[in-house]
Amino acid sequence: RPVVLIDELPWHELDINGELTLMCQDPYLR
């Protein structure tokens, strides 16, 4: 069957509840 894919997103608009908020301090680990 066909596959459905979603990509190239405006991540800065999607972090409503903090799930995308980066918390690590090390630049690469972020």
Full PDB file with SEQRES, HELIX, SHEET, SSBOND, CRYST1, ORIGX, SCALE, CONECT and MASTER records, all heavy atoms in Angstrom:
SEQRES   1 A   30  ARG PRO VAL VAL LEU ILE ASP GLU LEU PRO TRP HIS GLU          
SEQRES   2 A   30  LEU ASP ILE ASN GLY GLU LEU THR LEU MET CYS GLN ASP          
SEQRES   3 A   30  PRO TYR LEU ARG                                              
HELIX    1 AA1 TRP A   11  GLU A   13  5                                   3    
CRYST1    1.000    1.000    1.000  90.00  90.00  90.00 P 1           1          
ORIGX1      1.000000  0.000000  0.000000        0.00000                         
ORIGX2      0.000000  1.000000  0.000000        0.00000                         
ORIGX3      0.000000  0.000000  1.000000        0.00000                         
SCALE1      1.000000  0.000000  0.000000        0.00000                         
SCALE2      0.000000  1.000000  0.000000        0.00000                         
SCALE3      0.000000  0.000000  1.000000        0.00000                         
ATOM      1  N   ARG A   1       0.870  -1.177   0.000  1.00  0.00           N  
ATOM      2  CA  ARG A   1       0.000   0.000   0.000  1.00  0.00           C  
ATOM      3  C   ARG A   1       0.902   1.220   0.000  1.00  0.00           C  
ATOM      4  O   ARG A   1       2.076   1.141   0.343  1.00  0.00           O  
ATOM      5  CB  ARG A   1      -0.945   0.013   1.210  1.00  0.00           C  
ATOM      6  CG  ARG A   1      -0.282   0.262   2.554  1.00  0.00           C  
ATOM      7  CD  ARG A   1      -1.298   0.799   3.556  1.00  0.00           C  
ATOM      8  NE  ARG A   1      -0.798   0.917   4.905  1.00  0.00           N  
ATOM      9  CZ  ARG A   1      -0.056   1.922   5.360  1.00  0.00           C  
ATOM     10  NH1 ARG A   1       0.338   2.875   4.529  1.00  0.00           N  
ATOM     11  NH2 ARG A   1       0.335   1.972   6.624  1.00  0.00           N  
ATOM     12  N   PRO A   2       0.377   2.392  -0.395  1.00  0.00           N  
ATOM     13  CA  PRO A   2       1.206   3.599  -0.355  1.00  0.00           C  
ATOM     14  C   PRO A   2       1.619   3.910   1.081  1.00  0.00           C  
ATOM     15  O   PRO A   2       0.915   3.575   2.030  1.00  0.00           O  
ATOM     16  CB  PRO A   2       0.275   4.690  -0.899  1.00  0.00           C  
ATOM     17  CG  PRO A   2      -0.859   3.962  -1.540  1.00  0.00           C  
ATOM     18  CD  PRO A   2      -0.991   2.649  -0.862  1.00  0.00           C  
ATOM     19  N   VAL A   3       2.758   4.565   1.227  1.00  0.00           N  
ATOM     20  CA  VAL A   3       3.172   5.031   2.547  1.00  0.00           C  
ATOM     21  C   VAL A   3       2.967   6.534   2.641  1.00  0.00           C  
ATOM     22  O   VAL A   3       3.051   7.260   1.639  1.00  0.00           O  
ATOM     23  CB  VAL A   3       4.637   4.669   2.862  1.00  0.00           C  
ATOM     24  CG1 VAL A   3       4.798   3.167   2.990  1.00  0.00           C  
ATOM     25  CG2 VAL A   3       5.591   5.217   1.815  1.00  0.00           C  
ATOM     26  N   VAL A   4       2.684   6.985   3.856  1.00  0.00           N  
ATOM     27  CA  VAL A   4       2.423   8.398   4.128  1.00  0.00           C  
ATOM     28  C   VAL A   4       3.539   8.921   5.023  1.00  0.00           C  
ATOM     29  O   VAL A   4       3.855   8.320   6.054  1.00  0.00           O  
ATOM     30  CB  VAL A   4       1.059   8.584   4.818  1.00  0.00           C  
ATOM     31  CG1 VAL A   4       0.813  10.065   5.122  1.00  0.00           C  
ATOM     32  CG2 VAL A   4      -0.061   8.009   3.962  1.00  0.00           C  
ATOM     33  N   LEU A   5       4.143  10.047   4.616  1.00  0.00           N  
ATOM     34  CA  LEU A   5       5.270  10.593   5.344  1.00  0.00           C  
ATOM     35  C   LEU A   5       5.083  12.095   5.570  1.00  0.00           C  
ATOM     36  O   LEU A   5       4.539  12.789   4.706  1.00  0.00           O  
ATOM     37  CB  LEU A   5       6.573  10.359   4.572  1.00  0.00           C  
ATOM     38  CG  LEU A   5       6.902   8.901   4.229  1.00  0.00           C  
ATOM     39  CD1 LEU A   5       8.072   8.832   3.265  1.00  0.00           C  
ATOM     40  CD2 LEU A   5       7.206   8.114   5.495  1.00  0.00           C  
ATOM     41  N   ILE A   6       5.531  12.560   6.723  1.00  0.00           N  
ATOM     42  CA  ILE A   6       5.445  13.983   7.062  1.00  0.00           C  
ATOM     43  C   ILE A   6       6.821  14.432   7.525  1.00  0.00           C  
ATOM     44  O   ILE A   6       7.409  13.829   8.426  1.00  0.00           O  
ATOM     45  CB  ILE A   6       4.408  14.233   8.181  1.00  0.00           C  
ATOM     46  CG1 ILE A   6       3.028  13.718   7.756  1.00  0.00           C  
ATOM     47  CG2 ILE A   6       4.338  15.716   8.520  1.00  0.00           C  
ATOM     48  CD1 ILE A   6       1.984  13.776   8.860  1.00  0.00           C  
ATOM     49  N   ASP A   7       7.338  15.508   6.912  1.00  0.00           N  
ATOM     50  CA  ASP A   7       8.712  15.924   7.230  1.00  0.00           C  
ATOM     51  C   ASP A   7       8.875  17.412   6.943  1.00  0.00           C  
ATOM     52  O   ASP A   7       7.945  18.069   6.475  1.00  0.00           O  
ATOM     53  CB  ASP A   7       9.703  15.102   6.406  1.00  0.00           C  
ATOM     54  CG  ASP A   7      11.040  14.915   7.106  1.00  0.00           C  
ATOM     55  OD1 ASP A   7      11.392  15.759   7.953  1.00  0.00           O  
ATOM     56  OD2 ASP A   7      11.744  13.946   6.797  1.00  0.00           O  
ATOM     57  N   GLU A   8      10.049  17.937   7.231  1.00  0.00           N  
ATOM     58  CA  GLU A   8      10.374  19.354   7.068  1.00  0.00           C  
ATOM     59  C   GLU A   8       9.346  20.222   7.780  1.00  0.00           C  
ATOM     60  O   GLU A   8       8.507  20.864   7.165  1.00  0.00           O  
ATOM     61  CB  GLU A   8      10.466  19.732   5.588  1.00  0.00           C  
ATOM     62  CG  GLU A   8      11.760  19.278   4.938  1.00  0.00           C  
ATOM     63  CD  GLU A   8      11.973  19.892   3.586  1.00  0.00           C  
ATOM     64  OE1 GLU A   8      10.993  20.022   2.818  1.00  0.00           O  
ATOM     65  OE2 GLU A   8      13.118  20.230   3.260  1.00  0.00           O  
ATOM     66  N   LEU A   9       9.451  20.237   9.088  1.00  0.00           N  
ATOM     67  CA  LEU A   9       8.435  20.862   9.921  1.00  0.00           C  
ATOM     68  C   LEU A   9       8.954  22.131  10.600  1.00  0.00           C  
ATOM     69  O   LEU A   9      10.152  22.240  10.884  1.00  0.00           O  
ATOM     70  CB  LEU A   9       7.961  19.868  10.990  1.00  0.00           C  
ATOM     71  CG  LEU A   9       7.354  18.571  10.444  1.00  0.00           C  
ATOM     72  CD1 LEU A   9       7.065  17.600  11.578  1.00  0.00           C  
ATOM     73  CD2 LEU A   9       6.091  18.864   9.661  1.00  0.00           C  
ATOM     74  N   PRO A  10       8.054  23.058  10.921  1.00  0.00           N  
ATOM     75  CA  PRO A  10       8.434  24.276  11.645  1.00  0.00           C  
ATOM     76  C   PRO A  10       8.499  23.987  13.139  1.00  0.00           C  
ATOM     77  O   PRO A  10       7.581  24.328  13.900  1.00  0.00           O  
ATOM     78  CB  PRO A  10       7.309  25.255  11.293  1.00  0.00           C  
ATOM     79  CG  PRO A  10       6.108  24.377  11.118  1.00  0.00           C  
ATOM     80  CD  PRO A  10       6.620  23.082  10.546  1.00  0.00           C  
ATOM     81  N   TRP A  11       9.582  23.369  13.566  1.00  0.00           N  
ATOM     82  CA  TRP A  11       9.662  22.868  14.945  1.00  0.00           C  
ATOM     83  C   TRP A  11       9.441  23.968  15.966  1.00  0.00           C  
ATOM     84  O   TRP A  11       8.927  23.706  17.069  1.00  0.00           O  
ATOM     85  CB  TRP A  11      11.010  22.182  15.164  1.00  0.00           C  
ATOM     86  CG  TRP A  11      11.140  20.903  14.393  1.00  0.00           C  
ATOM     87  CD1 TRP A  11      11.913  20.673  13.298  1.00  0.00           C  
ATOM     88  CD2 TRP A  11      10.449  19.678  14.651  1.00  0.00           C  
ATOM     89  NE1 TRP A  11      11.754  19.376  12.856  1.00  0.00           N  
ATOM     90  CE2 TRP A  11      10.863  18.743  13.665  1.00  0.00           C  
ATOM     91  CE3 TRP A  11       9.528  19.268  15.615  1.00  0.00           C  
ATOM     92  CZ2 TRP A  11      10.398  17.436  13.618  1.00  0.00           C  
ATOM     93  CZ3 TRP A  11       9.048  17.967  15.573  1.00  0.00           C  
ATOM     94  CH2 TRP A  11       9.473  17.070  14.588  1.00  0.00           C  
ATOM     95  N   HIS A  12       9.823  25.195  15.638  1.00  0.00           N  
ATOM     96  CA  HIS A  12       9.658  26.293  16.591  1.00  0.00           C  
ATOM     97  C   HIS A  12       8.184  26.596  16.872  1.00  0.00           C  
ATOM     98  O   HIS A  12       7.860  27.242  17.867  1.00  0.00           O  
ATOM     99  CB  HIS A  12      10.350  27.558  16.064  1.00  0.00           C  
ATOM    100  CG  HIS A  12       9.725  28.111  14.826  1.00  0.00           C  
ATOM    101  ND1 HIS A  12       9.836  27.497  13.597  1.00  0.00           N  
ATOM    102  CD2 HIS A  12       8.966  29.228  14.631  1.00  0.00           C  
ATOM    103  CE1 HIS A  12       9.180  28.211  12.693  1.00  0.00           C  
ATOM    104  NE2 HIS A  12       8.647  29.256  13.290  1.00  0.00           N  
ATOM    105  N   GLU A  13       7.279  26.130  16.006  1.00  0.00           N  
ATOM    106  CA  GLU A  13       5.852  26.355  16.209  1.00  0.00           C  
ATOM    107  C   GLU A  13       5.156  25.178  16.895  1.00  0.00           C  
ATOM    108  O   GLU A  13       3.974  25.272  17.223  1.00  0.00           O  
ATOM    109  CB  GLU A  13       5.155  26.608  14.867  1.00  0.00           C  
ATOM    110  CG  GLU A  13       5.587  27.882  14.163  1.00  0.00           C  
ATOM    111  CD  GLU A  13       4.742  28.143  12.922  1.00  0.00           C  
ATOM    112  OE1 GLU A  13       3.711  27.476  12.742  1.00  0.00           O  
ATOM    113  OE2 GLU A  13       5.124  29.018  12.124  1.00  0.00           O  
ATOM    114  N   LEU A  14       5.860  24.086  17.101  1.00  0.00           N  
ATOM    115  CA  LEU A  14       5.207  22.858  17.546  1.00  0.00           C  
ATOM    116  C   LEU A  14       5.392  22.560  19.034  1.00  0.00           C  
ATOM    117  O   LEU A  14       4.736  21.670  19.573  1.00  0.00           O  
ATOM    118  CB  LEU A  14       5.729  21.664  16.735  1.00  0.00           C  
ATOM    119  CG  LEU A  14       5.652  21.793  15.209  1.00  0.00           C  
ATOM    120  CD1 LEU A  14       6.121  20.501  14.555  1.00  0.00           C  
ATOM    121  CD2 LEU A  14       4.244  22.139  14.758  1.00  0.00           C  
ATOM    122  N   ASP A  15       6.256  23.302  19.701  1.00  0.00           N  
ATOM    123  CA  ASP A  15       6.589  22.985  21.091  1.00  0.00           C  
ATOM    124  C   ASP A  15       5.582  23.627  22.044  1.00  0.00           C  
ATOM    125  O   ASP A  15       5.903  24.555  22.788  1.00  0.00           O  
ATOM    126  CB  ASP A  15       8.004  23.461  21.405  1.00  0.00           C  
ATOM    127  CG  ASP A  15       8.507  22.926  22.726  1.00  0.00           C  
ATOM    128  OD1 ASP A  15       7.895  21.980  23.255  1.00  0.00           O  
ATOM    129  OD2 ASP A  15       9.514  23.457  23.241  1.00  0.00           O  
ATOM    130  N   ILE A  16       4.382  23.090  22.040  1.00  0.00           N  
ATOM    131  CA  ILE A  16       3.311  23.664  22.851  1.00  0.00           C  
ATOM    132  C   ILE A  16       3.445  23.297  24.325  1.00  0.00           C  
ATOM    133  O   ILE A  16       3.215  24.109  25.215  1.00  0.00           O  
ATOM    134  CB  ILE A  16       1.933  23.222  22.321  1.00  0.00           C  
ATOM    135  CG1 ILE A  16       1.779  23.674  20.870  1.00  0.00           C  
ATOM    136  CG2 ILE A  16       0.818  23.777  23.192  1.00  0.00           C  
ATOM    137  CD1 ILE A  16       1.904  25.161  20.654  1.00  0.00           C  
ATOM    138  N   ASN A  17       3.841  22.064  24.603  1.00  0.00           N  
ATOM    139  CA  ASN A  17       3.864  21.600  26.000  1.00  0.00           C  
ATOM    140  C   ASN A  17       5.261  21.253  26.496  1.00  0.00           C  
ATOM    141  O   ASN A  17       5.409  20.556  27.497  1.00  0.00           O  
ATOM    142  CB  ASN A  17       2.945  20.386  26.168  1.00  0.00           C  
ATOM    143  CG  ASN A  17       3.285  19.274  25.187  1.00  0.00           C  
ATOM    144  OD1 ASN A  17       4.332  19.311  24.553  1.00  0.00           O  
ATOM    145  ND2 ASN A  17       2.399  18.307  25.052  1.00  0.00           N  
ATOM    146  N   GLY A  18       6.293  21.721  25.806  1.00  0.00           N  
ATOM    147  CA  GLY A  18       7.654  21.524  26.283  1.00  0.00           C  
ATOM    148  C   GLY A  18       8.314  20.233  25.866  1.00  0.00           C  
ATOM    149  O   GLY A  18       9.476  19.991  26.213  1.00  0.00           O  
ATOM    150  N   GLU A  19       7.632  19.406  25.073  1.00  0.00           N  
ATOM    151  CA  GLU A  19       8.213  18.123  24.672  1.00  0.00           C  
ATOM    152  C   GLU A  19       9.404  18.277  23.734  1.00  0.00           C  
ATOM    153  O   GLU A  19      10.216  17.362  23.591  1.00  0.00           O  
ATOM    154  CB  GLU A  19       7.147  17.253  24.007  1.00  0.00           C  
ATOM    155  CG  GLU A  19       6.084  16.746  24.953  1.00  0.00           C  
ATOM    156  CD  GLU A  19       4.987  15.985  24.238  1.00  0.00           C  
ATOM    157  OE1 GLU A  19       4.062  16.642  23.734  1.00  0.00           O  
ATOM    158  OE2 GLU A  19       5.064  14.744  24.164  1.00  0.00           O  
ATOM    159  N   LEU A  20       9.501  19.432  23.095  1.00  0.00           N  
ATOM    160  CA  LEU A  20      10.600  19.670  22.163  1.00  0.00           C  
ATOM    161  C   LEU A  20      11.676  20.585  22.750  1.00  0.00           C  
ATOM    162  O   LEU A  20      12.683  20.855  22.091  1.00  0.00           O  
ATOM    163  CB  LEU A  20      10.064  20.288  20.870  1.00  0.00           C  
ATOM    164  CG  LEU A  20       9.158  19.380  20.025  1.00  0.00           C  
ATOM    165  CD1 LEU A  20       8.461  20.186  18.938  1.00  0.00           C  
ATOM    166  CD2 LEU A  20       9.961  18.242  19.408  1.00  0.00           C  
ATOM    167  N   THR A  21      11.473  21.052  23.957  1.00  0.00           N  
ATOM    168  CA  THR A  21      12.428  21.959  24.582  1.00  0.00           C  
ATOM    169  C   THR A  21      13.723  21.230  24.927  1.00  0.00           C  
ATOM    170  O   THR A  21      13.704  20.216  25.636  1.00  0.00           O  
ATOM    171  CB  THR A  21      11.841  22.569  25.864  1.00  0.00           C  
ATOM    172  OG1 THR A  21      10.632  23.259  25.541  1.00  0.00           O  
ATOM    173  CG2 THR A  21      12.823  23.548  26.491  1.00  0.00           C  
ATOM    174  N   LEU A  22      14.834  21.744  24.412  1.00  0.00           N  
ATOM    175  CA  LEU A  22      16.123  21.109  24.669  1.00  0.00           C  
ATOM    176  C   LEU A  22      16.642  21.523  26.042  1.00  0.00           C  
ATOM    177  O   LEU A  22      16.615  22.699  26.406  1.00  0.00           O  
ATOM    178  CB  LEU A  22      17.122  21.496  23.585  1.00  0.00           C  
ATOM    179  CG  LEU A  22      16.734  21.116  22.159  1.00  0.00           C  
ATOM    180  CD1 LEU A  22      17.824  21.532  21.180  1.00  0.00           C  
ATOM    181  CD2 LEU A  22      16.458  19.622  22.037  1.00  0.00           C  
ATOM    182  N   MET A  23      17.162  20.531  26.765  1.00  0.00           N  
ATOM    183  CA  MET A  23      17.598  20.765  28.143  1.00  0.00           C  
ATOM    184  C   MET A  23      19.067  20.427  28.372  1.00  0.00           C  
ATOM    185  O   MET A  23      19.645  20.799  29.384  1.00  0.00           O  
ATOM    186  CB  MET A  23      16.720  19.946  29.091  1.00  0.00           C  
ATOM    187  CG  MET A  23      15.244  20.298  28.985  1.00  0.00           C  
ATOM    188  SD  MET A  23      14.171  19.152  29.880  1.00  0.00           S  
ATOM    189  CE  MET A  23      14.720  19.436  31.566  1.00  0.00           C  
ATOM    190  N   CYS A  24      19.691  19.695  27.469  1.00  0.00           N  
ATOM    191  CA  CYS A  24      21.102  19.350  27.642  1.00  0.00           C  
ATOM    192  C   CYS A  24      21.968  20.611  27.536  1.00  0.00           C  
ATOM    193  O   CYS A  24      21.608  21.566  26.836  1.00  0.00           O  
ATOM    194  CB  CYS A  24      21.545  18.332  26.590  1.00  0.00           C  
ATOM    195  SG  CYS A  24      20.957  16.645  26.886  1.00  0.00           S  
ATOM    196  N   GLN A  25      23.113  20.574  28.198  1.00  0.00           N  
ATOM    197  CA  GLN A  25      24.041  21.704  28.180  1.00  0.00           C  
ATOM    198  C   GLN A  25      25.115  21.544  27.106  1.00  0.00           C  
ATOM    199  O   GLN A  25      25.492  22.510  26.460  1.00  0.00           O  
ATOM    200  CB  GLN A  25      24.698  21.852  29.559  1.00  0.00           C  
ATOM    201  CG  GLN A  25      23.714  22.144  30.680  1.00  0.00           C  
ATOM    202  CD  GLN A  25      22.933  23.422  30.449  1.00  0.00           C  
ATOM    203  OE1 GLN A  25      23.519  24.476  30.193  1.00  0.00           O  
ATOM    204  NE2 GLN A  25      21.611  23.340  30.530  1.00  0.00           N  
ATOM    205  N   ASP A  26      25.597  20.320  26.926  1.00  0.00           N  
ATOM    206  CA  ASP A  26      26.642  20.073  25.936  1.00  0.00           C  
ATOM    207  C   ASP A  26      26.086  20.322  24.525  1.00  0.00           C  
ATOM    208  O   ASP A  26      25.035  19.792  24.163  1.00  0.00           O  
ATOM    209  CB  ASP A  26      27.129  18.623  26.042  1.00  0.00           C  
ATOM    210  CG  ASP A  26      28.236  18.311  25.057  1.00  0.00           C  
ATOM    211  OD1 ASP A  26      27.920  17.919  23.910  1.00  0.00           O  
ATOM    212  OD2 ASP A  26      29.409  18.464  25.424  1.00  0.00           O  
ATOM    213  N   PRO A  27      26.788  21.131  23.712  1.00  0.00           N  
ATOM    214  CA  PRO A  27      26.259  21.475  22.386  1.00  0.00           C  
ATOM    215  C   PRO A  27      25.977  20.261  21.512  1.00  0.00           C  
ATOM    216  O   PRO A  27      24.941  20.220  20.823  1.00  0.00           O  
ATOM    217  CB  PRO A  27      27.366  22.352  21.785  1.00  0.00           C  
ATOM    218  CG  PRO A  27      28.080  22.912  22.959  1.00  0.00           C  
ATOM    219  CD  PRO A  27      28.041  21.845  24.008  1.00  0.00           C  
ATOM    220  N   TYR A  28      26.867  19.267  21.504  1.00  0.00           N  
ATOM    221  CA  TYR A  28      26.611  18.115  20.650  1.00  0.00           C  
ATOM    222  C   TYR A  28      25.501  17.240  21.214  1.00  0.00           C  
ATOM    223  O   TYR A  28      24.663  16.729  20.462  1.00  0.00           O  
ATOM    224  CB  TYR A  28      27.864  17.268  20.429  1.00  0.00           C  
ATOM    225  CG  TYR A  28      27.545  16.094  19.521  1.00  0.00           C  
ATOM    226  CD1 TYR A  28      27.230  16.322  18.188  1.00  0.00           C  
ATOM    227  CD2 TYR A  28      27.475  14.793  20.007  1.00  0.00           C  
ATOM    228  CE1 TYR A  28      26.866  15.278  17.348  1.00  0.00           C  
ATOM    229  CE2 TYR A  28      27.120  13.745  19.171  1.00  0.00           C  
ATOM    230  CZ  TYR A  28      26.815  13.996  17.850  1.00  0.00           C  
ATOM    231  OH  TYR A  28      26.435  12.965  17.034  1.00  0.00           O  
ATOM    232  N   LEU A  29      25.469  17.075  22.521  1.00  0.00           N  
ATOM    233  CA  LEU A  29      24.402  16.267  23.116  1.00  0.00           C  
ATOM    234  C   LEU A  29      23.037  16.899  22.880  1.00  0.00           C  
ATOM    235  O   LEU A  29      22.024  16.191  22.820  1.00  0.00           O  
ATOM    236  CB  LEU A  29      24.661  16.066  24.607  1.00  0.00           C  
ATOM    237  CG  LEU A  29      25.888  15.217  24.954  1.00  0.00           C  
ATOM    238  CD1 LEU A  29      26.025  15.077  26.465  1.00  0.00           C  
ATOM    239  CD2 LEU A  29      25.826  13.840  24.294  1.00  0.00           C  
ATOM    240  N   ARG A  30      22.999  18.205  22.717  1.00  0.00           N  
ATOM    241  CA  ARG A  30      21.733  18.858  22.367  1.00  0.00           C  
ATOM    242  C   ARG A  30      21.260  18.404  20.986  1.00  0.00           C  
ATOM    243  O   ARG A  30      20.056  18.299  20.734  1.00  0.00           O  
ATOM    244  CB  ARG A  30      21.879  20.377  22.412  1.00  0.00           C  
ATOM    245  CG  ARG A  30      21.947  20.935  23.829  1.00  0.00           C  
ATOM    246  CD  ARG A  30      22.295  22.415  23.830  1.00  0.00           C  
ATOM    247  NE  ARG A  30      21.212  23.241  23.323  1.00  0.00           N  
ATOM    248  CZ  ARG A  30      20.215  23.729  24.070  1.00  0.00           C  
ATOM    249  NH1 ARG A  30      20.148  23.423  25.364  1.00  0.00           N  
ATOM    250  NH2 ARG A  30      19.286  24.494  23.548  1.00  0.00           N  
TER     251      ARG A  30                                                      
MASTER        0    0    0    1    0    0    0    6  250    1    0    3          
END                                                                             
